[in-house]
All heavy atoms as atom14 arrays in JSON, in Angstrom:
{
  "sequence": "MQVKQAVVGYGAAEKKQVMLMTQRLLGMKQIPRPDDAADALALAI",
  "atom14_mask": [
    [1, 1, 1, 1, 1, 1, 1, 1, 0, 0, 0, 0, 0, 0],
    [1, 1, 1, 1, 1, 1, 1, 1, 1, 0, 0, 0, 0, 0],
    [1, 1, 1, 1, 1, 1, 1, 0, 0, 0, 0, 0, 0, 0],
    [1, 1, 1, 1, 1, 1, 1, 1, 1, 0, 0, 0, 0, 0],
    [1, 1, 1, 1, 1, 1, 1, 1, 1, 0, 0, 0, 0, 0],
    [1, 1, 1, 1, 1, 0, 0, 0, 0, 0, 0, 0, 0, 0],
    [1, 1, 1, 1, 1, 1, 1, 0, 0, 0, 0, 0, 0, 0],
    [1, 1, 1, 1, 1, 1, 1, 0, 0, 0, 0, 0, 0, 0],
    [1, 1, 1, 1, 0, 0, 0, 0, 0, 0, 0, 0, 0, 0],
    [1, 1, 1, 1, 1, 1, 1, 1, 1, 1, 1, 1, 0, 0],
    [1, 1, 1, 1, 0, 0, 0, 0, 0, 0, 0, 0, 0, 0],
    [1, 1, 1, 1, 1, 0, 0, 0, 0, 0, 0, 0, 0, 0],
    [1, 1, 1, 1, 1, 0, 0, 0, 0, 0, 0, 0, 0, 0],
    [1, 1, 1, 1, 1, 1, 1, 1, 1, 0, 0, 0, 0, 0],
    [1, 1, 1, 1, 1, 1, 1, 1, 1, 0, 0, 0, 0, 0],
    [1, 1, 1, 1, 1, 1, 1, 1, 1, 0, 0, 0, 0, 0],
    [1, 1, 1, 1, 1, 1, 1, 1, 1, 0, 0, 0, 0, 0],
    [1, 1, 1, 1, 1, 1, 1, 0, 0, 0, 0, 0, 0, 0],
    [1, 1, 1, 1, 1, 1, 1, 1, 0, 0, 0, 0, 0, 0],
    [1, 1, 1, 1, 1, 1, 1, 1, 0, 0, 0, 0, 0, 0],
    [1, 1, 1, 1, 1, 1, 1, 1, 0, 0, 0, 0, 0, 0],
    [1, 1, 1, 1, 1, 1, 1, 0, 0, 0, 0, 0, 0, 0],
    [1, 1, 1, 1, 1, 1, 1, 1, 1, 0, 0, 0, 0, 0],
    [1, 1, 1, 1, 1, 1, 1, 1, 1, 1, 1, 0, 0, 0],
    [1, 1, 1, 1, 1, 1, 1, 1, 0, 0, 0, 0, 0, 0],
    [1, 1, 1, 1, 1, 1, 1, 1, 0, 0, 0, 0, 0, 0],
    [1, 1, 1, 1, 0, 0, 0, 0, 0, 0, 0, 0, 0, 0],
    [1, 1, 1, 1, 1, 1, 1, 1, 0, 0, 0, 0, 0, 0],
    [1, 1, 1, 1, 1, 1, 1, 1, 1, 0, 0, 0, 0, 0],
    [1, 1, 1, 1, 1, 1, 1, 1, 1, 0, 0, 0, 0, 0],
    [1, 1, 1, 1, 1, 1, 1, 1, 0, 0, 0, 0, 0, 0],
    [1, 1, 1, 1, 1, 1, 1, 0, 0, 0, 0, 0, 0, 0],
    [1, 1, 1, 1, 1, 1, 1, 1, 1, 1, 1, 0, 0, 0],
    [1, 1, 1, 1, 1, 1, 1, 0, 0, 0, 0, 0, 0, 0],
    [1, 1, 1, 1, 1, 1, 1, 1, 0, 0, 0, 0, 0, 0],
    [1, 1, 1, 1, 1, 1, 1, 1, 0, 0, 0, 0, 0, 0],
    [1, 1, 1, 1, 1, 0, 0, 0, 0, 0, 0, 0, 0, 0],
    [1, 1, 1, 1, 1, 0, 0, 0, 0, 0, 0, 0, 0, 0],
    [1, 1, 1, 1, 1, 1, 1, 1, 0, 0, 0, 0, 0, 0],
    [1, 1, 1, 1, 1, 0, 0, 0, 0, 0, 0, 0, 0, 0],
    [1, 1, 1, 1, 1, 1, 1, 1, 0, 0, 0, 0, 0, 0],
    [1, 1, 1, 1, 1, 0, 0, 0, 0, 0, 0, 0, 0, 0],
    [1, 1, 1, 1, 1, 1, 1, 1, 0, 0, 0, 0, 0, 0],
    [1, 1, 1, 1, 1, 0, 0, 0, 0, 0, 0, 0, 0, 0],
    [1, 1, 1, 1, 1, 1, 1, 1, 0, 0, 0, 0, 0, 0]
  ],
  "atom14_positions": [
    [[0.58, 6.08, 9.83], [-0.14, 7.21, 9.22], [0.68, 7.88, 8.12], [0.12, 8.29, 7.07], [-0.5, 8.24, 10.3], [-1.33, 9.41, 9.78], [-1.77, 10.59, 11.02], [-3.09, 9.7, 11.82], [0.0, 0.0, 0.0], [0.0, 0.0, 0.0], [0.0, 0.0, 0.0], [0.0, 0.0, 0.0], [0.0, 0.0, 0.0], [0.0, 0.0, 0.0]],
    [[1.99, 8.02, 8.31], [2.87, 8.58, 7.3], [2.87, 7.71, 6.02], [2.85, 8.22, 4.91], [4.28, 8.75, 7.81], [4.44, 9.85, 8.83], [5.81, 9.83, 9.44], [6.33, 8.82, 9.88], [6.46, 11.02, 9.48], [0.0, 0.0, 0.0], [0.0, 0.0, 0.0], [0.0, 0.0, 0.0], [0.0, 0.0, 0.0], [0.0, 0.0, 0.0]],
    [[2.84, 6.4, 6.19], [2.85, 5.49, 5.08], [1.53, 5.63, 4.32], [1.51, 5.76, 3.08], [3.07, 4.02, 5.53], [2.91, 3.06, 4.36], [4.44, 3.88, 6.16], [0.0, 0.0, 0.0], [0.0, 0.0, 0.0], [0.0, 0.0, 0.0], [0.0, 0.0, 0.0], [0.0, 0.0, 0.0], [0.0, 0.0, 0.0], [0.0, 0.0, 0.0]],
    [[0.43, 5.64, 5.03], [-0.87, 5.78, 4.38], [-0.97, 7.11, 3.61], [-1.46, 7.16, 2.5], [-2.0, 5.69, 5.45], [-2.12, 4.34, 6.07], [-3.13, 4.36, 7.2], [-3.24, 3.01, 7.86], [-4.2, 3.0, 8.98], [0.0, 0.0, 0.0], [0.0, 0.0, 0.0], [0.0, 0.0, 0.0], [0.0, 0.0, 0.0], [0.0, 0.0, 0.0]],
    [[-0.51, 8.16, 4.23], [-0.52, 9.48, 3.58], [0.32, 9.45, 2.31], [-0.12, 9.99, 1.26], [0.05, 10.54, 4.53], [0.06, 11.95, 3.97], [-1.32, 12.53, 3.72], [-2.21, 12.35, 4.53], [-1.49, 13.19, 2.6], [0.0, 0.0, 0.0], [0.0, 0.0, 0.0], [0.0, 0.0, 0.0], [0.0, 0.0, 0.0], [0.0, 0.0, 0.0]],
    [[1.47, 8.84, 2.34], [2.39, 8.85, 1.16], [1.83, 7.95, 0.04], [1.96, 8.31, -1.14], [3.77, 8.37, 1.58], [0.0, 0.0, 0.0], [0.0, 0.0, 0.0], [0.0, 0.0, 0.0], [0.0, 0.0, 0.0], [0.0, 0.0, 0.0], [0.0, 0.0, 0.0], [0.0, 0.0, 0.0], [0.0, 0.0, 0.0], [0.0, 0.0, 0.0]],
    [[1.22, 6.83, 0.39], [0.81, 5.86, -0.63], [-0.59, 6.16, -1.12], [-0.86, 6.11, -2.34], [0.9, 4.42, -0.06], [0.36, 3.39, -1.05], [2.36, 4.1, 0.27], [0.0, 0.0, 0.0], [0.0, 0.0, 0.0], [0.0, 0.0, 0.0], [0.0, 0.0, 0.0], [0.0, 0.0, 0.0], [0.0, 0.0, 0.0], [0.0, 0.0, 0.0]],
    [[-1.52, 6.51, -0.24], [-2.92, 6.71, -0.63], [-3.26, 8.19, -0.73], [-4.15, 8.59, -1.45], [-3.87, 6.0, 0.39], [-5.32, 6.21, 0.05], [-3.54, 4.53, 0.45], [0.0, 0.0, 0.0], [0.0, 0.0, 0.0], [0.0, 0.0, 0.0], [0.0, 0.0, 0.0], [0.0, 0.0, 0.0], [0.0, 0.0, 0.0], [0.0, 0.0, 0.0]],
    [[-2.57, 9.03, 0.02], [-2.89, 10.46, 0.06], [-3.81, 10.82, 1.2], [-4.29, 11.93, 1.31], [0.0, 0.0, 0.0], [0.0, 0.0, 0.0], [0.0, 0.0, 0.0], [0.0, 0.0, 0.0], [0.0, 0.0, 0.0], [0.0, 0.0, 0.0], [0.0, 0.0, 0.0], [0.0, 0.0, 0.0], [0.0, 0.0, 0.0], [0.0, 0.0, 0.0]],
    [[-4.07, 9.86, 2.11], [-4.96, 10.03, 3.22], [-4.46, 9.23, 4.42], [-4.36, 8.01, 4.35], [-6.35, 9.59, 2.8], [-7.43, 9.64, 3.87], [-7.72, 10.79, 4.56], [-8.14, 8.49, 4.22], [-8.69, 10.84, 5.55], [-9.13, 8.51, 5.2], [-9.41, 9.7, 5.84], [-10.37, 9.74, 6.82], [0.0, 0.0, 0.0], [0.0, 0.0, 0.0]],
    [[-4.1, 9.93, 5.5], [-3.43, 9.3, 6.64], [-4.29, 8.29, 7.4], [-3.79, 7.52, 8.19], [0.0, 0.0, 0.0], [0.0, 0.0, 0.0], [0.0, 0.0, 0.0], [0.0, 0.0, 0.0], [0.0, 0.0, 0.0], [0.0, 0.0, 0.0], [0.0, 0.0, 0.0], [0.0, 0.0, 0.0], [0.0, 0.0, 0.0], [0.0, 0.0, 0.0]],
    [[-5.64, 8.34, 7.22], [-6.51, 7.41, 7.9], [-7.05, 6.35, 6.94], [-8.11, 5.78, 7.18], [-7.65, 8.14, 8.6], [0.0, 0.0, 0.0], [0.0, 0.0, 0.0], [0.0, 0.0, 0.0], [0.0, 0.0, 0.0], [0.0, 0.0, 0.0], [0.0, 0.0, 0.0], [0.0, 0.0, 0.0], [0.0, 0.0, 0.0], [0.0, 0.0, 0.0]],
    [[-6.36, 6.09, 5.86], [-6.81, 5.13, 4.86], [-6.93, 3.73, 5.46], [-6.22, 3.4, 6.41], [-5.85, 5.12, 3.67], [0.0, 0.0, 0.0], [0.0, 0.0, 0.0], [0.0, 0.0, 0.0], [0.0, 0.0, 0.0], [0.0, 0.0, 0.0], [0.0, 0.0, 0.0], [0.0, 0.0, 0.0], [0.0, 0.0, 0.0], [0.0, 0.0, 0.0]],
    [[-7.8, 2.96, 4.89], [-7.94, 1.56, 5.29], [-6.81, 0.73, 4.73], [-6.25, 1.06, 3.7], [-9.28, 0.99, 4.8], [-10.52, 1.67, 5.35], [-10.7, 1.41, 6.84], [-10.42, 0.3, 7.29], [-11.14, 2.35, 7.55], [0.0, 0.0, 0.0], [0.0, 0.0, 0.0], [0.0, 0.0, 0.0], [0.0, 0.0, 0.0], [0.0, 0.0, 0.0]],
    [[-6.51, -0.39, 5.37], [-5.45, -1.28, 4.93], [-5.64, -1.72, 3.49], [-4.74, -1.73, 2.69], [-5.35, -2.48, 5.86], [-4.16, -3.37, 5.58], [-4.07, -4.42, 6.67], [-2.74, -5.11, 6.68], [-1.62, -4.29, 7.15], [0.0, 0.0, 0.0], [0.0, 0.0, 0.0], [0.0, 0.0, 0.0], [0.0, 0.0, 0.0], [0.0, 0.0, 0.0]],
    [[-6.87, -2.04, 3.09], [-7.18, -2.48, 1.75], [-6.84, -1.39, 0.74], [-6.32, -1.68, -0.37], [-8.65, -2.87, 1.65], [-9.09, -3.37, 0.31], [-8.69, -4.81, 0.1], [-9.34, -5.36, -1.14], [-8.99, -6.72, -1.43], [0.0, 0.0, 0.0], [0.0, 0.0, 0.0], [0.0, 0.0, 0.0], [0.0, 0.0, 0.0], [0.0, 0.0, 0.0]],
    [[-7.1, -0.13, 1.07], [-6.77, 0.97, 0.17], [-5.28, 1.07, -0.07], [-4.81, 1.29, -1.18], [-7.28, 2.3, 0.74], [-8.77, 2.42, 0.75], [-9.17, 3.71, 1.49], [-8.98, 3.84, 2.69], [-9.73, 4.67, 0.74], [0.0, 0.0, 0.0], [0.0, 0.0, 0.0], [0.0, 0.0, 0.0], [0.0, 0.0, 0.0], [0.0, 0.0, 0.0]],
    [[-4.49, 0.88, 1.0], [-3.04, 0.92, 0.91], [-2.55, -0.2, 0.02], [-1.7, -0.02, -0.88], [-2.38, 0.88, 2.3], [-0.86, 0.84, 2.17], [-2.83, 2.05, 3.15], [0.0, 0.0, 0.0], [0.0, 0.0, 0.0], [0.0, 0.0, 0.0], [0.0, 0.0, 0.0], [0.0, 0.0, 0.0], [0.0, 0.0, 0.0], [0.0, 0.0, 0.0]],
    [[-3.11, -1.37, 0.2], [-2.71, -2.5, -0.59], [-3.05, -2.34, -2.08], [-2.22, -2.67, -2.95], [-3.33, -3.8, -0.02], [-2.78, -4.16, 1.35], [-3.65, -5.51, 2.13], [-2.92, -6.87, 1.28], [0.0, 0.0, 0.0], [0.0, 0.0, 0.0], [0.0, 0.0, 0.0], [0.0, 0.0, 0.0], [0.0, 0.0, 0.0], [0.0, 0.0, 0.0]],
    [[-4.19, -1.8, -2.36], [-4.58, -1.54, -3.76], [-3.67, -0.49, -4.42], [-3.26, -0.65, -5.57], [-6.06, -1.1, -3.83], [-7.08, -2.21, -3.7], [-8.5, -1.62, -3.5], [-7.05, -3.12, -4.93], [0.0, 0.0, 0.0], [0.0, 0.0, 0.0], [0.0, 0.0, 0.0], [0.0, 0.0, 0.0], [0.0, 0.0, 0.0], [0.0, 0.0, 0.0]],
    [[-3.39, 0.57, -3.69], [-2.52, 1.6, -4.25], [-1.08, 1.08, -4.41], [-0.4, 1.43, -5.38], [-2.5, 2.86, -3.37], [-3.72, 3.77, -3.61], [-3.93, 4.25, -5.32], [-2.47, 5.26, -5.6], [0.0, 0.0, 0.0], [0.0, 0.0, 0.0], [0.0, 0.0, 0.0], [0.0, 0.0, 0.0], [0.0, 0.0, 0.0], [0.0, 0.0, 0.0]],
    [[-0.61, 0.28, -3.5], [0.69, -0.36, -3.64], [0.75, -1.21, -4.92], [1.69, -1.1, -5.69], [1.04, -1.23, -2.39], [1.03, -0.37, -1.25], [2.35, -1.92, -2.53], [0.0, 0.0, 0.0], [0.0, 0.0, 0.0], [0.0, 0.0, 0.0], [0.0, 0.0, 0.0], [0.0, 0.0, 0.0], [0.0, 0.0, 0.0], [0.0, 0.0, 0.0]],
    [[-0.29, -1.98, -5.12], [-0.4, -2.79, -6.32], [-0.34, -1.89, -7.56], [0.42, -2.17, -8.51], [-1.72, -3.56, -6.32], [-2.01, -4.34, -7.6], [-3.41, -4.87, -7.69], [-4.24, -4.6, -6.83], [-3.68, -5.61, -8.73], [0.0, 0.0, 0.0], [0.0, 0.0, 0.0], [0.0, 0.0, 0.0], [0.0, 0.0, 0.0], [0.0, 0.0, 0.0]],
    [[-1.1, -0.82, -7.6], [-1.14, 0.09, -8.77], [0.19, 0.78, -8.97], [0.66, 0.87, -10.09], [-2.26, 1.09, -8.58], [-3.63, 0.53, -8.76], [-4.72, 1.57, -8.77], [-5.99, 0.91, -8.81], [-6.96, 1.13, -7.95], [-6.77, 1.97, -6.94], [-8.1, 0.51, -8.05], [0.0, 0.0, 0.0], [0.0, 0.0, 0.0], [0.0, 0.0, 0.0]],
    [[0.77, 1.3, -7.89], [2.01, 2.07, -8.02], [3.18, 1.18, -8.51], [4.09, 1.73, -9.15], [2.36, 2.72, -6.69], [1.45, 3.88, -6.26], [1.75, 4.26, -4.82], [1.63, 5.07, -7.19], [0.0, 0.0, 0.0], [0.0, 0.0, 0.0], [0.0, 0.0, 0.0], [0.0, 0.0, 0.0], [0.0, 0.0, 0.0], [0.0, 0.0, 0.0]],
    [[3.12, -0.09, -8.22], [4.18, -1.0, -8.64], [3.82, -1.77, -9.93], [4.59, -2.61, -10.39], [4.53, -1.95, -7.5], [5.15, -1.29, -6.26], [5.33, -2.31, -5.16], [6.46, -0.63, -6.63], [0.0, 0.0, 0.0], [0.0, 0.0, 0.0], [0.0, 0.0, 0.0], [0.0, 0.0, 0.0], [0.0, 0.0, 0.0], [0.0, 0.0, 0.0]],
    [[2.63, -1.54, -10.47], [2.21, -2.2, -11.72], [2.1, -3.71, -11.54], [2.39, -4.46, -12.48], [0.0, 0.0, 0.0], [0.0, 0.0, 0.0], [0.0, 0.0, 0.0], [0.0, 0.0, 0.0], [0.0, 0.0, 0.0], [0.0, 0.0, 0.0], [0.0, 0.0, 0.0], [0.0, 0.0, 0.0], [0.0, 0.0, 0.0], [0.0, 0.0, 0.0]],
    [[1.6, -4.16, -10.37], [1.47, -5.58, -10.1], [0.12, -6.04, -10.6], [-0.87, -5.32, -10.54], [1.62, -5.82, -8.61], [2.96, -5.4, -8.03], [3.02, -5.51, -6.24], [3.2, -7.29, -6.05], [0.0, 0.0, 0.0], [0.0, 0.0, 0.0], [0.0, 0.0, 0.0], [0.0, 0.0, 0.0], [0.0, 0.0, 0.0], [0.0, 0.0, 0.0]],
    [[0.02, -7.29, -11.04], [-1.22, -7.87, -11.51], [-2.18, -8.17, -10.37], [-3.39, -8.14, -10.55], [-0.95, -9.13, -12.34], [-0.27, -8.85, -13.64], [-0.02, -10.09, -14.44], [0.71, -9.75, -15.7], [0.99, -10.89, -16.55], [0.0, 0.0, 0.0], [0.0, 0.0, 0.0], [0.0, 0.0, 0.0], [0.0, 0.0, 0.0], [0.0, 0.0, 0.0]],
    [[-1.62, -8.49, -9.21], [-2.39, -8.82, -8.04], [-1.94, -8.04, -6.82], [-0.8, -7.58, -6.8], [-2.35, -10.31, -7.75], [-2.89, -11.18, -8.82], [-2.86, -12.66, -8.48], [-2.47, -13.06, -7.39], [-3.28, -13.51, -9.4], [0.0, 0.0, 0.0], [0.0, 0.0, 0.0], [0.0, 0.0, 0.0], [0.0, 0.0, 0.0], [0.0, 0.0, 0.0]],
    [[-2.81, -7.97, -5.84], [-2.42, -7.32, -4.59], [-1.33, -8.15, -3.96], [-1.41, -9.4, -3.91], [-3.61, -7.24, -3.62], [-4.62, -6.2, -4.15], [-3.18, -6.85, -2.2], [-5.93, -6.15, -3.34], [0.0, 0.0, 0.0], [0.0, 0.0, 0.0], [0.0, 0.0, 0.0], [0.0, 0.0, 0.0], [0.0, 0.0, 0.0], [0.0, 0.0, 0.0]],
    [[-0.22, -7.53, -3.49], [0.85, -8.31, -2.89], [0.4, -8.99, -1.62], [-0.36, -8.41, -0.81], [1.95, -7.26, -2.61], [1.24, -5.94, -2.59], [0.04, -6.11, -3.48], [0.0, 0.0, 0.0], [0.0, 0.0, 0.0], [0.0, 0.0, 0.0], [0.0, 0.0, 0.0], [0.0, 0.0, 0.0], [0.0, 0.0, 0.0], [0.0, 0.0, 0.0]],
    [[0.79, -10.21, -1.45], [0.47, -11.03, -0.28], [1.73, -11.67, 0.24], [2.63, -11.94, -0.54], [-0.55, -12.1, -0.64], [-1.88, -11.56, -1.09], [-2.73, -11.25, 0.1], [-4.04, -10.78, -0.38], [-4.83, -10.02, 0.35], [-4.47, -9.63, 1.52], [-6.01, -9.66, -0.11], [0.0, 0.0, 0.0], [0.0, 0.0, 0.0], [0.0, 0.0, 0.0]],
    [[1.85, -12.01, 1.5], [0.92, -11.71, 2.57], [0.93, -10.23, 2.98], [1.72, -9.45, 2.42], [1.42, -12.6, 3.71], [2.86, -12.79, 3.48], [3.03, -12.77, 1.97], [0.0, 0.0, 0.0], [0.0, 0.0, 0.0], [0.0, 0.0, 0.0], [0.0, 0.0, 0.0], [0.0, 0.0, 0.0], [0.0, 0.0, 0.0], [0.0, 0.0, 0.0]],
    [[0.06, -9.89, 3.89], [-0.07, -8.51, 4.33], [1.22, -7.87, 4.76], [1.46, -6.69, 4.52], [-1.1, -8.39, 5.47], [-2.54, -8.65, 5.01], [-2.75, -8.9, 3.8], [-3.43, -8.61, 5.88], [0.0, 0.0, 0.0], [0.0, 0.0, 0.0], [0.0, 0.0, 0.0], [0.0, 0.0, 0.0], [0.0, 0.0, 0.0], [0.0, 0.0, 0.0]],
    [[2.05, -8.65, 5.46], [3.32, -8.1, 5.98], [4.22, -7.65, 4.81], [4.88, -6.64, 4.9], [4.05, -9.14, 6.8], [3.2, -9.62, 8.01], [2.98, -8.82, 8.91], [2.75, -10.78, 7.96], [0.0, 0.0, 0.0], [0.0, 0.0, 0.0], [0.0, 0.0, 0.0], [0.0, 0.0, 0.0], [0.0, 0.0, 0.0], [0.0, 0.0, 0.0]],
    [[4.23, -8.42, 3.73], [5.03, -8.05, 2.57], [4.46, -6.8, 1.88], [5.17, -5.92, 1.44], [5.12, -9.22, 1.59], [0.0, 0.0, 0.0], [0.0, 0.0, 0.0], [0.0, 0.0, 0.0], [0.0, 0.0, 0.0], [0.0, 0.0, 0.0], [0.0, 0.0, 0.0], [0.0, 0.0, 0.0], [0.0, 0.0, 0.0], [0.0, 0.0, 0.0]],
    [[3.1, -6.76, 1.82], [2.45, -5.57, 1.24], [2.79, -4.32, 2.05], [3.06, -3.25, 1.49], [0.95, -5.79, 1.17], [0.0, 0.0, 0.0], [0.0, 0.0, 0.0], [0.0, 0.0, 0.0], [0.0, 0.0, 0.0], [0.0, 0.0, 0.0], [0.0, 0.0, 0.0], [0.0, 0.0, 0.0], [0.0, 0.0, 0.0], [0.0, 0.0, 0.0]],
    [[2.78, -4.45, 3.36], [3.13, -3.34, 4.22], [4.56, -2.89, 3.99], [4.87, -1.69, 3.99], [2.93, -3.69, 5.7], [1.46, -3.85, 6.07], [0.57, -3.45, 5.3], [1.2, -4.38, 7.15], [0.0, 0.0, 0.0], [0.0, 0.0, 0.0], [0.0, 0.0, 0.0], [0.0, 0.0, 0.0], [0.0, 0.0, 0.0], [0.0, 0.0, 0.0]],
    [[5.44, -3.84, 3.83], [6.87, -3.5, 3.57], [7.04, -2.79, 2.26], [7.82, -1.83, 2.18], [7.71, -4.79, 3.62], [0.0, 0.0, 0.0], [0.0, 0.0, 0.0], [0.0, 0.0, 0.0], [0.0, 0.0, 0.0], [0.0, 0.0, 0.0], [0.0, 0.0, 0.0], [0.0, 0.0, 0.0], [0.0, 0.0, 0.0], [0.0, 0.0, 0.0]],
    [[6.32, -3.19, 1.24], [6.36, -2.51, -0.06], [5.84, -1.07, 0.09], [6.43, -0.13, -0.46], [5.59, -3.26, -1.13], [6.21, -4.54, -1.6], [5.2, -5.33, -2.44], [7.48, -4.29, -2.39], [0.0, 0.0, 0.0], [0.0, 0.0, 0.0], [0.0, 0.0, 0.0], [0.0, 0.0, 0.0], [0.0, 0.0, 0.0], [0.0, 0.0, 0.0]],
    [[4.76, -0.9, 0.82], [4.22, 0.42, 1.05], [5.23, 1.32, 1.79], [5.38, 2.51, 1.51], [2.9, 0.35, 1.83], [0.0, 0.0, 0.0], [0.0, 0.0, 0.0], [0.0, 0.0, 0.0], [0.0, 0.0, 0.0], [0.0, 0.0, 0.0], [0.0, 0.0, 0.0], [0.0, 0.0, 0.0], [0.0, 0.0, 0.0], [0.0, 0.0, 0.0]],
    [[5.97, 0.74, 2.73], [7.01, 1.48, 3.43], [8.1, 1.94, 2.49], [8.56, 3.08, 2.58], [7.62, 0.63, 4.54], [6.88, 0.64, 5.87], [7.11, -0.67, 6.62], [7.27, 1.82, 6.7], [0.0, 0.0, 0.0], [0.0, 0.0, 0.0], [0.0, 0.0, 0.0], [0.0, 0.0, 0.0], [0.0, 0.0, 0.0], [0.0, 0.0, 0.0]],
    [[8.5, 1.06, 1.58], [9.55, 1.41, 0.6], [9.03, 2.54, -0.31], [9.79, 3.47, -0.64], [9.97, 0.2, -0.21], [0.0, 0.0, 0.0], [0.0, 0.0, 0.0], [0.0, 0.0, 0.0], [0.0, 0.0, 0.0], [0.0, 0.0, 0.0], [0.0, 0.0, 0.0], [0.0, 0.0, 0.0], [0.0, 0.0, 0.0], [0.0, 0.0, 0.0]],
    [[7.79, 2.46, -0.73], [7.23, 3.51, -1.59], [7.18, 4.83, -0.82], [7.53, 5.9, -1.36], [5.82, 3.12, -2.08], [5.91, 1.94, -3.06], [5.1, 4.32, -2.73], [4.55, 1.29, -3.38], [0.0, 0.0, 0.0], [0.0, 0.0, 0.0], [0.0, 0.0, 0.0], [0.0, 0.0, 0.0], [0.0, 0.0, 0.0], [0.0, 0.0, 0.0]]
  ]
}
């Protein structure tokens, strides 16, 4: 919930929303894959 709040601005955000915001915040051309790596990037953000 803390990760979702920090990355998306909403603690109950869907996983897809977190992945899209992670992509945008890091200026990536594509959504990071696999999901575990995307989650790790969101944690770092």
